[in-house]
PDB file of N, CA and C in Angstrom:
ATOM      1  N   UNK A   1       0.952  -1.214   0.130  1.00  0.00           N
ATOM      2  CA  UNK A   1       0.382  -0.256  -0.074  1.00  0.00           C
ATOM      3  C   UNK A   1       0.775   1.355  -0.241  1.00  0.00           C
ATOM      4  N   UNK A   2       0.411   2.081  -0.563  1.00  0.00           N
ATOM      5  CA  UNK A   2       1.568   3.423  -0.794  1.00  0.00           C
ATOM      6  C   UNK A   2       1.344   4.642  -0.250  1.00  0.00           C
ATOM      7  N   UNK A   3      -0.040   5.099  -0.377  1.00  0.00           N
ATOM      8  CA  UNK A   3      -0.401   6.530  -0.222  1.00  0.00           C
ATOM      9  C   UNK A   3      -1.594   6.533  -0.227  1.00  0.00           C
ATOM     10  N   UNK A   4      -2.578   7.094   0.203  1.00  0.00           N
ATOM     11  CA  UNK A   4      -3.885   7.444   0.466  1.00  0.00           C
ATOM     12  C   UNK A   4      -4.203   8.805  -0.344  1.00  0.00           C
ATOM     13  N   UNK A   5      -4.949   9.947  -1.136  1.00  0.00           N
ATOM     14  CA  UNK A   5      -5.415  11.081  -1.015  1.00  0.00           C
ATOM     15  C   UNK A   5      -6.722  11.391  -0.853  1.00  0.00           C
ATOM     16  N   UNK A   6      -6.354  12.628  -0.158  1.00  0.00           N
ATOM     17  CA  UNK A   6      -8.433  13.056   0.302  1.00  0.00           C
ATOM     18  C   UNK A   6      -8.545  14.001  -0.547  1.00  0.00           C
ATOM     19  N   UNK A   7     -10.092  13.999  -0.069  1.00  0.00           N
ATOM     20  CA  UNK A   7     -10.705  15.691  -0.806  1.00  0.00           C
ATOM     21  C   UNK A   7     -11.683  15.896  -0.098  1.00  0.00           C
ATOM     22  N   UNK A   8     -12.617  16.305   0.646  1.00  0.00           N
ATOM     23  CA  UNK A   8     -13.752  17.299   1.492  1.00  0.00           C
ATOM     24  C   UNK A   8     -14.216  18.122   0.896  1.00  0.00           C
ATOM     25  N   UNK A   9     -15.329  17.865   0.901  1.00  0.00           N
ATOM     26  CA  UNK A   9     -16.377  18.580  -0.090  1.00  0.00           C
ATOM     27  C   UNK A   9     -18.137  18.028  -0.125  1.00  0.00           C
ATOM     28  N   UNK A  10     -18.806  18.961  -0.222  1.00  0.00           N
ATOM     29  CA  UNK A  10     -20.541  18.495   0.000  1.00  0.00           C
ATOM     30  C   UNK A  10     -20.640  17.696   1.331  1.00  0.00           C
ATOM     31  N   UNK A  11     -19.680  17.671   2.665  1.00  0.00           N
ATOM     32  CA  UNK A  11     -19.873  17.172   3.446  1.00  0.00           C
ATOM     33  C   UNK A  11     -19.162  15.341   3.524  1.00  0.00           C
ATOM     34  N   UNK A  12     -19.011  15.330   2.380  1.00  0.00           N
ATOM     35  CA  UNK A  12     -18.152  13.800   1.915  1.00  0.00           C
ATOM     36  C   UNK A  12     -16.966  14.330   2.250  1.00  0.00           C
ATOM     37  N   UNK A  13     -16.363  13.004   2.516  1.00  0.00           N
ATOM     38  CA  UNK A  13     -14.286  12.851   2.293  1.00  0.00           C
ATOM     39  C   UNK A  13     -14.630  11.527   1.483  1.00  0.00           C
ATOM     40  N   UNK A  14     -13.937  11.952   0.260  1.00  0.00           N
ATOM     41  CA  UNK A  14     -12.701  10.999  -0.527  1.00  0.00           C
ATOM     42  C   UNK A  14     -11.455  10.815  -0.070  1.00  0.00           C
ATOM     43  N   UNK A  15     -11.341   9.195  -0.174  1.00  0.00           N
ATOM     44  CA  UNK A  15     -10.036   8.696  -0.079  1.00  0.00           C
ATOM     45  C   UNK A  15     -10.050   7.454  -1.065  1.00  0.00           C
ATOM     46  N   UNK A  16      -8.438   7.735  -1.623  1.00  0.00           N
ATOM     47  CA  UNK A  16      -8.479   7.085  -2.927  1.00  0.00           C
ATOM     48  C   UNK A  16      -6.967   5.809  -2.142  1.00  0.00           C
ATOM     49  N   UNK A  17      -7.280   4.621  -2.036  1.00  0.00           N
ATOM     50  CA  UNK A  17      -6.267   4.430  -1.585  1.00  0.00           C
ATOM     51  C   UNK A  17      -5.717   3.389  -3.052  1.00  0.00           C
ATOM     52  N   UNK A  18      -4.383   2.904  -2.860  1.00  0.00           N
ATOM     53  CA  UNK A  18      -4.020   2.190  -4.125  1.00  0.00           C
ATOM     54  C   UNK A  18      -2.686   0.566  -3.319  1.00  0.00           C
ATOM     55  N   UNK A  19      -2.772  -0.218  -4.219  1.00  0.00           N
ATOM     56  CA  UNK A  19      -1.748  -0.990  -3.448  1.00  0.00           C
ATOM     57  C   UNK A  19      -2.973  -2.128  -3.251  1.00  0.00           C
ATOM     58  N   UNK A  20      -1.488  -3.245  -2.519  1.00  0.00           N
ATOM     59  CA  UNK A  20      -2.731  -4.066  -1.778  1.00  0.00           C
ATOM     60  C   UNK A  20      -3.157  -3.917  -0.261  1.00  0.00           C
ATOM     61  N   UNK A  21      -4.461  -4.287  -0.139  1.00  0.00           N
ATOM     62  CA  UNK A  21      -4.683  -4.102   1.384  1.00  0.00           C
ATOM     63  C   UNK A  21      -5.017  -5.369   1.692  1.00  0.00           C
ATOM     64  N   UNK A  22      -3.849  -4.978   3.387  1.00  0.00           N
ATOM     65  CA  UNK A  22      -4.088  -7.161   3.677  1.00  0.00           C
ATOM     66  C   UNK A  22      -3.567  -6.725   5.159  1.00  0.00           C
ATOM     67  N   UNK A  23      -3.319  -8.110   5.763  1.00  0.00           N
ATOM     68  CA  UNK A  23      -2.778  -8.056   7.117  1.00  0.00           C
ATOM     69  C   UNK A  23      -1.730  -6.790   7.232  1.00  0.00           C
ATOM     70  N   UNK A  24      -0.676  -6.451   6.374  1.00  0.00           N
ATOM     71  CA  UNK A  24       0.784  -6.179   6.480  1.00  0.00           C
ATOM     72  C   UNK A  24       0.066  -4.446   6.461  1.00  0.00           C
ATOM     73  N   UNK A  25      -1.022  -4.092   5.882  1.00  0.00           N
ATOM     74  CA  UNK A  25      -1.014  -2.624   4.997  1.00  0.00           C
ATOM     75  C   UNK A  25      -1.946  -1.633   5.979  1.00  0.00           C
ATOM     76  N   UNK A  26      -3.164  -3.258   6.447  1.00  0.00           N
ATOM     77  CA  UNK A  26      -4.237  -2.750   7.500  1.00  0.00           C
ATOM     78  C   UNK A  26      -4.077  -1.410   8.393  1.00  0.00           C
ATOM     79  N   UNK A  27      -3.503  -1.400   9.163  1.00  0.00           N
ATOM     80  CA  UNK A  27      -2.876  -0.181  10.150  1.00  0.00           C
ATOM     81  C   UNK A  27      -2.694   1.077   9.351  1.00  0.00           C
ATOM     82  N   UNK A  28      -2.218   0.959   8.197  1.00  0.00           N
ATOM     83  CA  UNK A  28      -2.561   2.560   7.542  1.00  0.00           C
ATOM     84  C   UNK A  28      -3.775   3.200   7.334  1.00  0.00           C
ATOM     85  N   UNK A  29      -4.173   1.194   5.992  1.00  0.00           N
ATOM     86  CA  UNK A  29      -5.506   1.941   5.570  1.00  0.00           C
ATOM     87  C   UNK A  29      -6.566   2.308   6.689  1.00  0.00           C
ATOM     88  N   UNK A  30      -6.397   1.640   7.816  1.00  0.00           N
ATOM     89  CA  UNK A  30      -7.214   2.198   9.140  1.00  0.00           C
ATOM     90  C   UNK A  30      -6.925   3.638   9.088  1.00  0.00           C
ATOM     91  N   UNK A  31      -5.426   4.241   9.458  1.00  0.00           N
ATOM     92  CA  UNK A  31      -5.524   5.537   9.699  1.00  0.00           C
ATOM     93  C   UNK A  31      -5.624   6.190   8.994  1.00  0.00           C
ATOM     94  N   UNK A  32      -5.266   6.241   7.320  1.00  0.00           N
ATOM     95  CA  UNK A  32      -6.120   6.852   6.445  1.00  0.00           C
ATOM     96  C   UNK A  32      -7.453   7.235   6.392  1.00  0.00           C
ATOM     97  N   UNK A  33      -7.923   6.469   7.123  1.00  0.00           N
ATOM     98  CA  UNK A  33     -10.216   6.708   6.647  1.00  0.00           C
ATOM     99  C   UNK A  33     -10.418   7.046   8.363  1.00  0.00           C
ATOM    100  N   UNK A  34      -9.179   6.993   9.102  1.00  0.00           N
ATOM    101  CA  UNK A  34      -9.699   7.936  10.318  1.00  0.00           C
ATOM    102  C   UNK A  34      -9.458   9.273  10.205  1.00  0.00           C
ATOM    103  N   UNK A  35      -7.889   9.475   9.531  1.00  0.00           N
ATOM    104  CA  UNK A  35      -7.956  10.685   9.414  1.00  0.00           C
ATOM    105  C   UNK A  35      -8.684  11.944   8.174  1.00  0.00           C
ATOM    106  N   UNK A  36      -9.589  11.190   7.933  1.00  0.00           N
ATOM    107  CA  UNK A  36     -10.832  11.833   6.377  1.00  0.00           C
ATOM    108  C   UNK A  36     -11.793  12.927   7.259  1.00  0.00           C
ATOM    109  N   UNK A  37     -11.734  12.327   8.729  1.00  0.00           N
ATOM    110  CA  UNK A  37     -12.317  13.046   9.460  1.00  0.00           C
ATOM    111  C   UNK A  37     -13.995  12.831   9.937  1.00  0.00           C
ATOM    112  N   UNK A  38     -14.419  13.152  10.333  1.00  0.00           N
ATOM    113  CA  UNK A  38     -16.028  12.729  10.576  1.00  0.00           C
ATOM    114  C   UNK A  38     -16.905  14.037   9.309  1.00  0.00           C
ATOM    115  N   UNK A  39     -17.145  13.396   8.897  1.00  0.00           N
ATOM    116  CA  UNK A  39     -18.495  13.707   7.532  1.00  0.00           C
ATOM    117  C   UNK A  39     -19.614  13.162   7.230  1.00  0.00           C
ATOM    118  N   UNK A  40     -20.789  13.877   6.522  1.00  0.00           N
ATOM    119  CA  UNK A  40     -21.732  12.839   6.362  1.00  0.00           C
ATOM    120  C   UNK A  40     -21.530  11.612   5.555  1.00  0.00           C
ATOM    121  N   UNK A  41     -20.329  11.530   5.113  1.00  0.00           N
ATOM    122  CA  UNK A  41     -20.150   9.995   4.340  1.00  0.00           C
ATOM    123  C   UNK A  41     -18.944  10.386   3.960  1.00  0.00           C
ATOM    124  N   UNK A  42     -18.169   9.202   3.436  1.00  0.00           N
ATOM    125  CA  UNK A  42     -16.732   8.504   3.397  1.00  0.00           C
ATOM    126  C   UNK A  42     -16.706   7.747   2.084  1.00  0.00           C
ATOM    127  N   UNK A  43     -16.668   8.580   1.332  1.00  0.00           N
ATOM    128  CA  UNK A  43     -16.212   7.550  -0.367  1.00  0.00           C
ATOM    129  C   UNK A  43     -14.843   7.377  -0.471  1.00  0.00           C
ATOM    130  N   UNK A  44     -14.598   6.082  -0.482  1.00  0.00           N
ATOM    131  CA  UNK A  44     -13.222   4.771  -0.726  1.00  0.00           C
ATOM    132  C   UNK A  44     -13.065   4.797  -2.519  1.00  0.00           C
ATOM    133  N   UNK A  45     -11.952   5.183  -3.209  1.00  0.00           N
ATOM    134  CA  UNK A  45     -11.661   5.277  -4.249  1.00  0.00           C
ATOM    135  C   UNK A  45     -10.945   3.747  -4.208  1.00  0.00           C
ATOM    136  N   UNK A  46     -11.132   2.507  -4.553  1.00  0.00           N
ATOM    137  CA  UNK A  46     -10.443   1.657  -4.615  1.00  0.00           C
ATOM    138  C   UNK A  46      -9.737   0.905  -6.327  1.00  0.00           C
ATOM    139  N   UNK A  47     -10.143   1.833  -6.830  1.00  0.00           N
ATOM    140  CA  UNK A  47      -9.698   2.020  -8.592  1.00  0.00           C
ATOM    141  C   UNK A  47      -8.080   1.792  -8.674  1.00  0.00           C
ATOM    142  N   UNK A  48      -7.266   1.898  -7.881  1.00  0.00           N
ATOM    143  CA  UNK A  48      -5.638   1.503  -7.694  1.00  0.00           C
ATOM    144  C   UNK A  48      -5.115   0.794  -6.921  1.00  0.00           C
ATOM    145  N   UNK A  49      -6.460   0.139  -6.549  1.00  0.00           N
ATOM    146  CA  UNK A  49      -6.366  -1.531  -5.162  1.00  0.00           C
ATOM    147  C   UNK A  49      -6.265  -2.449  -5.815  1.00  0.00           C
ATOM    148  N   UNK A  50      -5.252  -3.421  -5.914  1.00  0.00           N
ATOM    149  CA  UNK A  50      -5.426  -4.323  -6.861  1.00  0.00           C
ATOM    150  C   UNK A  50      -5.773  -5.986  -6.017  1.00  0.00           C
ATOM    151  N   UNK A  51      -5.683  -5.782  -4.633  1.00  0.00           N
ATOM    152  CA  UNK A  51      -5.702  -7.170  -4.074  1.00  0.00           C
ATOM    153  C   UNK A  51      -6.678  -6.536  -2.742  1.00  0.00           C
ATOM    154  N   UNK A  52      -7.358  -7.088  -1.860  1.00  0.00           N
ATOM    155  CA  UNK A  52      -7.932  -6.939  -0.058  1.00  0.00           C
ATOM    156  C   UNK A  52      -8.227  -8.024   0.176  1.00  0.00           C
ATOM    157  N   UNK A  53      -7.750  -8.235   1.374  1.00  0.00           N
ATOM    158  CA  UNK A  53      -8.240  -9.866   2.191  1.00  0.00           C
ATOM    159  C   UNK A  53      -9.545  -9.013   3.214  1.00  0.00           C
ATOM    160  N   UNK A  54      -9.612 -10.400   4.043  1.00  0.00           N
ATOM    161  CA  UNK A  54     -10.660 -10.585   5.175  1.00  0.00           C
ATOM    162  C   UNK A  54      -9.887  -8.884   6.043  1.00  0.00           C
ATOM    163  N   UNK A  55      -9.216  -8.913   6.210  1.00  0.00           N
ATOM    164  CA  UNK A  55      -8.807  -8.139   7.082  1.00  0.00           C
ATOM    165  C   UNK A  55      -8.737  -6.450   6.538  1.00  0.00           C
ATOM    166  N   UNK A  56      -8.496  -6.311   5.737  1.00  0.00           N
ATOM    167  CA  UNK A  56      -8.985  -4.942   4.782  1.00  0.00           C
ATOM    168  C   UNK A  56     -10.321  -4.782   4.844  1.00  0.00           C
ATOM    169  N   UNK A  57     -11.173  -5.365   4.857  1.00  0.00           N
ATOM    170  CA  UNK A  57     -12.616  -5.985   4.262  1.00  0.00           C
ATOM    171  C   UNK A  57     -13.230  -5.276   5.966  1.00  0.00           C
ATOM    172  N   UNK A  58     -12.178  -5.677   6.959  1.00  0.00           N
ATOM    173  CA  UNK A  58     -12.817  -5.441   8.055  1.00  0.00           C
ATOM    174  C   UNK A  58     -12.467  -4.778   8.793  1.00  0.00           C
ATOM    175  N   UNK A  59     -11.419  -3.439   7.852  1.00  0.00           N
ATOM    176  CA  UNK A  59     -11.401  -2.045   8.392  1.00  0.00           C
ATOM    177  C   UNK A  59     -12.640  -1.214   7.374  1.00  0.00           C
ATOM    178  N   UNK A  60     -13.074  -1.933   6.410  1.00  0.00           N
ATOM    179  CA  UNK A  60     -14.149  -0.828   5.891  1.00  0.00           C
ATOM    180  C   UNK A  60     -15.244  -1.156   6.367  1.00  0.00           C
ATOM    181  N   UNK A  61     -15.179  -2.779   7.211  1.00  0.00           N
ATOM    182  CA  UNK A  61     -16.413  -2.289   7.857  1.00  0.00           C
ATOM    183  C   UNK A  61     -17.075  -1.384   8.926  1.00  0.00           C
ATOM    184  N   UNK A  62     -15.370  -1.516   9.683  1.00  0.00           N
ATOM    185  CA  UNK A  62     -15.336  -0.680  11.080  1.00  0.00           C
ATOM    186  C   UNK A  62     -15.961   1.015  10.722  1.00  0.00           C
ATOM    187  N   UNK A  63     -14.996   0.859   9.553  1.00  0.00           N
ATOM    188  CA  UNK A  63     -14.990   2.552   8.984  1.00  0.00           C
ATOM    189  C   UNK A  63     -17.012   2.724   8.675  1.00  0.00           C
ATOM    190  N   UNK A  64     -17.145   1.829   8.243  1.00  0.00           N
ATOM    191  CA  UNK A  64     -18.408   1.870   8.246  1.00  0.00           C
ATOM    192  C   UNK A  64     -19.890   2.075   9.698  1.00  0.00           C
ATOM    193  N   UNK A  65     -19.172   1.169  10.387  1.00  0.00           N
ATOM    194  CA  UNK A  65     -19.904   0.984  11.470  1.00  0.00           C
ATOM    195  C   UNK A  65     -19.663   2.767  11.919  1.00  0.00           C
ATOM    196  N   UNK A  66     -18.625   3.329  11.834  1.00  0.00           N
ATOM    197  CA  UNK A  66     -17.786   4.618  12.698  1.00  0.00           C
ATOM    198  C   UNK A  66     -19.479   5.721  11.817  1.00  0.00           C
ATOM    199  N   UNK A  67     -19.506   5.541  10.570  1.00  0.00           N
ATOM    200  CA  UNK A  67     -19.579   6.320   9.749  1.00  0.00           C
ATOM    201  C   UNK A  67     -21.409   6.542   9.802  1.00  0.00           C
ATOM    202  N   UNK A  68     -21.880   5.715   9.944  1.00  0.00           N
ATOM    203  CA  UNK A  68     -23.165   5.046  10.362  1.00  0.00           C
ATOM    204  C   UNK A  68     -23.433   5.468  11.743  1.00  0.00           C
ATOM    205  N   UNK A  69     -22.945   5.708  12.980  1.00  0.00           N
ATOM    206  CA  UNK A  69     -22.778   6.363  14.321  1.00  0.00           C
ATOM    207  C   UNK A  69     -23.056   7.754  14.356  1.00  0.00           C
ATOM    208  N   UNK A  70     -22.417   8.542  13.092  1.00  0.00           N
ATOM    209  CA  UNK A  70     -22.409   9.358  12.855  1.00  0.00           C
ATOM    210  C   UNK A  70     -23.298   9.978  12.226  1.00  0.00           C
ATOM    211  N   UNK A  71     -24.345   9.036  11.648  1.00  0.00           N
ATOM    212  CA  UNK A  71     -25.061   9.444  10.575  1.00  0.00           C
ATOM    213  C   UNK A  71     -24.685   9.646   9.342  1.00  0.00           C
ATOM    214  N   UNK A  72     -23.697   8.828   8.790  1.00  0.00           N
ATOM    215  CA  UNK A  72     -23.525   9.028   6.878  1.00  0.00           C
ATOM    216  C   UNK A  72     -23.354   7.752   7.443  1.00  0.00           C
ATOM    217  N   UNK A  73     -22.382   7.695   6.347  1.00  0.00           N
ATOM    218  CA  UNK A  73     -22.006   6.233   5.272  1.00  0.00           C
ATOM    219  C   UNK A  73     -20.909   6.266   5.073  1.00  0.00           C
ATOM    220  N   UNK A  74     -20.567   5.422   4.412  1.00  0.00           N
ATOM    221  CA  UNK A  74     -19.060   4.491   3.553  1.00  0.00           C
ATOM    222  C   UNK A  74     -19.237   3.673   1.871  1.00  0.00           C
ATOM    223  N   UNK A  75     -18.876   4.443   1.236  1.00  0.00           N
ATOM    224  CA  UNK A  75     -18.958   3.765   0.038  1.00  0.00           C
ATOM    225  C   UNK A  75     -17.974   3.637  -0.870  1.00  0.00           C
ATOM    226  N   UNK A  76     -17.761   2.202  -1.006  1.00  0.00           N
ATOM    227  CA  UNK A  76     -16.525   1.747  -2.479  1.00  0.00           C
ATOM    228  C   UNK A  76     -17.072   1.682  -3.169  1.00  0.00           C
ATOM    229  N   UNK A  77     -15.921   2.720  -3.980  1.00  0.00           N
ATOM    230  CA  UNK A  77     -16.165   3.176  -5.781  1.00  0.00           C
ATOM    231  C   UNK A  77     -15.071   2.191  -6.002  1.00  0.00           C
ATOM    232  N   UNK A  78     -15.424   1.720  -6.991  1.00  0.00           N
ATOM    233  CA  UNK A  78     -14.197   1.084  -8.609  1.00  0.00           C
ATOM    234  C   UNK A  78     -13.924   0.060  -8.061  1.00  0.00           C
ATOM    235  N   UNK A  79     -14.352  -1.256  -7.414  1.00  0.00           N
ATOM    236  CA  UNK A  79     -13.549  -2.150  -6.962  1.00  0.00           C
ATOM    237  C   UNK A  79     -12.923  -2.787  -7.997  1.00  0.00           C
ATOM    238  N   UNK A  80     -11.886  -3.418  -7.761  1.00  0.00           N
ATOM    239  CA  UNK A  80     -11.437  -4.373  -9.056  1.00  0.00           C
ATOM    240  C   UNK A  80     -12.285  -5.631  -9.125  1.00  0.00           C
ATOM    241  N   UNK A  81     -11.617  -6.686 -10.038  1.00  0.00           N
ATOM    242  CA  UNK A  81     -12.451  -8.262  -9.513  1.00  0.00           C
ATOM    243  C   UNK A  81     -12.684  -9.016  -8.435  1.00  0.00           C
ATOM    244  N   UNK A  82     -10.440  -8.930  -7.815  1.00  0.00           N
ATOM    245  CA  UNK A  82     -10.848  -9.583  -6.851  1.00  0.00           C
ATOM    246  C   UNK A  82     -11.705  -8.953  -4.855  1.00  0.00           C
ATOM    247  N   UNK A  83     -11.731  -7.479  -5.333  1.00  0.00           N
ATOM    248  CA  UNK A  83     -12.299  -6.711  -4.467  1.00  0.00           C
ATOM    249  C   UNK A  83     -13.808  -7.003  -4.373  1.00  0.00           C
ATOM    250  N   UNK A  84     -14.270  -7.210  -5.920  1.00  0.00           N
ATOM    251  CA  UNK A  84     -15.541  -7.022  -6.058  1.00  0.00           C
ATOM    252  C   UNK A  84     -16.271  -8.572  -5.490  1.00  0.00           C
ATOM    253  N   UNK A  85     -15.382  -9.760  -5.507  1.00  0.00           N
ATOM    254  CA  UNK A  85     -15.596 -11.681  -4.995  1.00  0.00           C
ATOM    255  C   UNK A  85     -15.204 -11.098  -3.823  1.00  0.00           C
ATOM    256  N   UNK A  86     -14.856 -10.415  -3.100  1.00  0.00           N
ATOM    257  CA  UNK A  86     -14.711 -10.389  -1.811  1.00  0.00           C
ATOM    258  C   UNK A  86     -16.115 -10.174  -1.071  1.00  0.00           C
ATOM    259  N   UNK A  87     -16.250  -9.288  -1.738  1.00  0.00           N
ATOM    260  CA  UNK A  87     -17.878  -8.847  -1.209  1.00  0.00           C
ATOM    261  C   UNK A  87     -18.723  -9.088  -1.130  1.00  0.00           C
ATOM    262  N   UNK A  88     -18.795  -9.777  -2.186  1.00  0.00           N
ATOM    263  CA  UNK A  88     -20.164 -10.544  -2.668  1.00  0.00           C
ATOM    264  C   UNK A  88     -20.026 -11.804  -2.392  1.00  0.00           C
ATOM    265  N   UNK A  89     -18.633 -13.153  -2.031  1.00  0.00           N
ATOM    266  CA  UNK A  89     -18.430 -14.114  -0.671  1.00  0.00           C
ATOM    267  C   UNK A  89     -19.237 -13.437   0.232  1.00  0.00           C
ATOM    268  N   UNK A  90     -18.943 -12.206   0.621  1.00  0.00           N
ATOM    269  CA  UNK A  90     -19.239 -12.189   2.426  1.00  0.00           C
ATOM    270  C   UNK A  90     -20.268 -11.751   2.422  1.00  0.00           C
ATOM    271  N   UNK A  91     -21.093 -11.053   1.905  1.00  0.00           N
ATOM    272  CA  UNK A  91     -22.408 -10.859   1.879  1.00  0.00           C
ATOM    273  C   UNK A  91     -22.467  -9.075   2.503  1.00  0.00           C
ATOM    274  N   UNK A  92     -21.382  -8.670   1.869  1.00  0.00           N
ATOM    275  CA  UNK A  92     -21.302  -7.360   2.484  1.00  0.00           C
ATOM    276  C   UNK A  92     -21.159  -5.926   1.350  1.00  0.00           C
ATOM    277  N   UNK A  93     -22.069  -6.479   0.195  1.00  0.00           N
ATOM    278  CA  UNK A  93     -22.173  -5.718  -0.839  1.00  0.00           C
ATOM    279  C   UNK A  93     -23.134  -4.298  -0.392  1.00  0.00           C
ATOM    280  N   UNK A  94     -23.328  -4.324   0.641  1.00  0.00           N
ATOM    281  CA  UNK A  94     -24.216  -3.120   0.705  1.00  0.00           C
ATOM    282  C   UNK A  94     -22.806  -1.997   0.890  1.00  0.00           C
ATOM    283  N   UNK A  95     -21.560  -2.318   0.569  1.00  0.00           N
ATOM    284  CA  UNK A  95     -20.706  -1.670   0.777  1.00  0.00           C
ATOM    285  C   UNK A  95     -20.405  -0.289  -0.125  1.00  0.00           C
ATOM    286  N   UNK A  96     -20.658  -1.295  -1.553  1.00  0.00           N
ATOM    287  CA  UNK A  96     -20.285  -0.799  -2.617  1.00  0.00           C
ATOM    288  C   UNK A  96     -21.089   0.279  -2.766  1.00  0.00           C
ATOM    289  N   UNK A  97     -20.571   1.079  -3.938  1.00  0.00           N
ATOM    290  CA  UNK A  97     -21.600   2.087  -4.072  1.00  0.00           C
ATOM    291  C   UNK A  97     -22.347   2.339  -5.670  1.00  0.00           C
ATOM    292  N   UNK A  98     -23.404   2.608  -6.062  1.00  0.00           N
ATOM    293  CA  UNK A  98     -23.880   2.707  -7.232  1.00  0.00           C
ATOM    294  C   UNK A  98     -22.864   2.935  -8.272  1.00  0.00           C
ATOM    295  N   UNK A  99     -23.075   2.217  -9.142  1.00  0.00           N
ATOM    296  CA  UNK A  99     -21.708   2.712 -10.084  1.00  0.00           C
ATOM    297  C   UNK A  99     -22.049   3.676 -11.163  1.00  0.00           C
ATOM    298  N   UNK A 100     -23.212   4.730 -10.499  1.00  0.00           N
ATOM    299  CA  UNK A 100     -23.683   5.706 -11.338  1.00  0.00           C
ATOM    300  C   UNK A 100     -23.715   7.177  -9.862  1.00  0.00           C
ATOM    301  N   UNK A 101     -22.819   6.737  -9.088  1.00  0.00           N
ATOM    302  CA  UNK A 101     -23.010   7.344  -7.988  1.00  0.00           C
ATOM    303  C   UNK A 101     -21.483   8.543  -8.495  1.00  0.00           C
ATOM    304  N   UNK A 102     -21.920   9.528  -7.563  1.00  0.00           N
ATOM    305  CA  UNK A 102     -20.450  10.842  -8.106  1.00  0.00           C
ATOM    306  C   UNK A 102     -19.218  10.244  -7.054  1.00  0.00           C
ATOM    307  N   UNK A 103     -18.144  10.630  -7.596  1.00  0.00           N
ATOM    308  CA  UNK A 103     -16.633  10.217  -6.621  1.00  0.00           C
ATOM    309  C   UNK A 103     -16.108  11.434  -6.910  1.00  0.00           C
ATOM    310  N   UNK A 104     -15.924  12.778  -5.903  1.00  0.00           N
ATOM    311  CA  UNK A 104     -15.480  13.853  -6.001  1.00  0.00           C
ATOM    312  C   UNK A 104     -13.919  13.382  -6.123  1.00  0.00           C
ATOM    313  N   UNK A 105     -13.391  14.381  -7.032  1.00  0.00           N
ATOM    314  CA  UNK A 105     -11.643  14.002  -7.590  1.00  0.00           C
ATOM    315  C   UNK A 105     -10.700  14.504  -6.210  1.00  0.00           C
ATOM    316  N   UNK A 106      -9.759  13.521  -5.903  1.00  0.00           N
ATOM    317  CA  UNK A 106      -9.166  13.884  -4.974  1.00  0.00           C
ATOM    318  C   UNK A 106      -8.206  15.184  -4.988  1.00  0.00           C
ATOM    319  N   UNK A 107      -8.046  15.909  -4.190  1.00  0.00           N
ATOM    320  CA  UNK A 107      -7.168  17.071  -3.704  1.00  0.00           C
ATOM    321  C   UNK A 107      -5.481  16.219  -3.630  1.00  0.00           C
ATOM    322  N   UNK A 108      -4.359  16.975  -3.594  1.00  0.00           N
ATOM    323  CA  UNK A 108      -3.284  16.091  -3.377  1.00  0.00           C
ATOM    324  C   UNK A 108      -2.559  16.687  -2.334  1.00  0.00           C
ATOM    325  N   UNK A 109      -3.719  15.977  -1.086  1.00  0.00           N
ATOM    326  CA  UNK A 109      -3.011  15.929   0.231  1.00  0.00           C
ATOM    327  C   UNK A 109      -2.650  14.512   0.661  1.00  0.00           C
ATOM    328  N   UNK A 110      -1.639  14.044   0.827  1.00  0.00           N
ATOM    329  CA  UNK A 110      -1.232  12.258   0.624  1.00  0.00           C
ATOM    330  C   UNK A 110      -0.593  12.124   1.931  1.00  0.00           C
ATOM    331  N   UNK A 111      -1.100  10.734   2.427  1.00  0.00           N
ATOM    332  CA  UNK A 111      -1.018  10.313   3.776  1.00  0.00           C
ATOM    333  C   UNK A 111      -0.526   8.761   3.295  1.00  0.00           C
ATOM    334  N   UNK A 112       0.248   8.392   3.902  1.00  0.00           N
ATOM    335  CA  UNK A 112       1.294   7.211   4.256  1.00  0.00           C
ATOM    336  C   UNK A 112       0.626   5.657   4.661  1.00  0.00           C
ATOM    337  N   UNK A 113      -0.087   5.252   3.959  1.00  0.00           N
ATOM    338  CA  UNK A 113      -0.384   4.283   4.071  1.00  0.00           C
ATOM    339  C   UNK A 113       0.357   2.610   3.868  1.00  0.00           C
ATOM    340  N   UNK A 114       1.728   3.071   4.224  1.00  0.00           N
ATOM    341  CA  UNK A 114       2.773   1.972   4.182  1.00  0.00           C
ATOM    342  C   UNK A 114       2.852   0.988   5.563  1.00  0.00           C
ATOM    343  N   UNK A 115       2.933  -0.241   5.717  1.00  0.00           N
ATOM    344  CA  UNK A 115       3.097  -1.070   7.105  1.00  0.00           C
ATOM    345  C   UNK A 115       3.854  -0.064   8.103  1.00  0.00           C
ATOM    346  N   UNK A 116       3.210  -0.210   9.102  1.00  0.00           N
ATOM    347  CA  UNK A 116       3.622   0.394  10.509  1.00  0.00           C
ATOM    348  C   UNK A 116       5.351  -0.452  10.754  1.00  0.00           C
ATOM    349  N   UNK A 117       5.730  -1.203   9.941  1.00  0.00           N
ATOM    350  CA  UNK A 117       6.741  -1.279  10.832  1.00  0.00           C
ATOM    351  C   UNK A 117       8.111  -0.914   9.289  1.00  0.00           C
ATOM    352  N   UNK A 118       7.527  -0.654   8.441  1.00  0.00           N
ATOM    353  CA  UNK A 118       8.491   0.084   7.552  1.00  0.00           C
ATOM    354  C   UNK A 118       9.126   1.425   8.200  1.00  0.00           C
TER     355      UNK A 118
END
């Protein structure tokens, strides 16, 4: 996992993630999602993510719960085939955004999401 970029607009935060999301990179992903702040919603662009395991899915579920507790939501945008399959197999499709839902372009604010032991 490399970096995350953020955009805050219309009361929603957009986080763009890249690389692989697994047990090794999950702490950085968790930090990046938390750094997005409290908004009415959180959009996560996964177009540059090529792998996500169950530990990554768990981080998204945790963030979705936090968003829901704050009267918001979390939506995963543009997942690759492997991520879409993980979501389908686990019955967590409610995390996926409608393909036609808008996604704000990220601004160039970068948050390192490399494994914590590097």
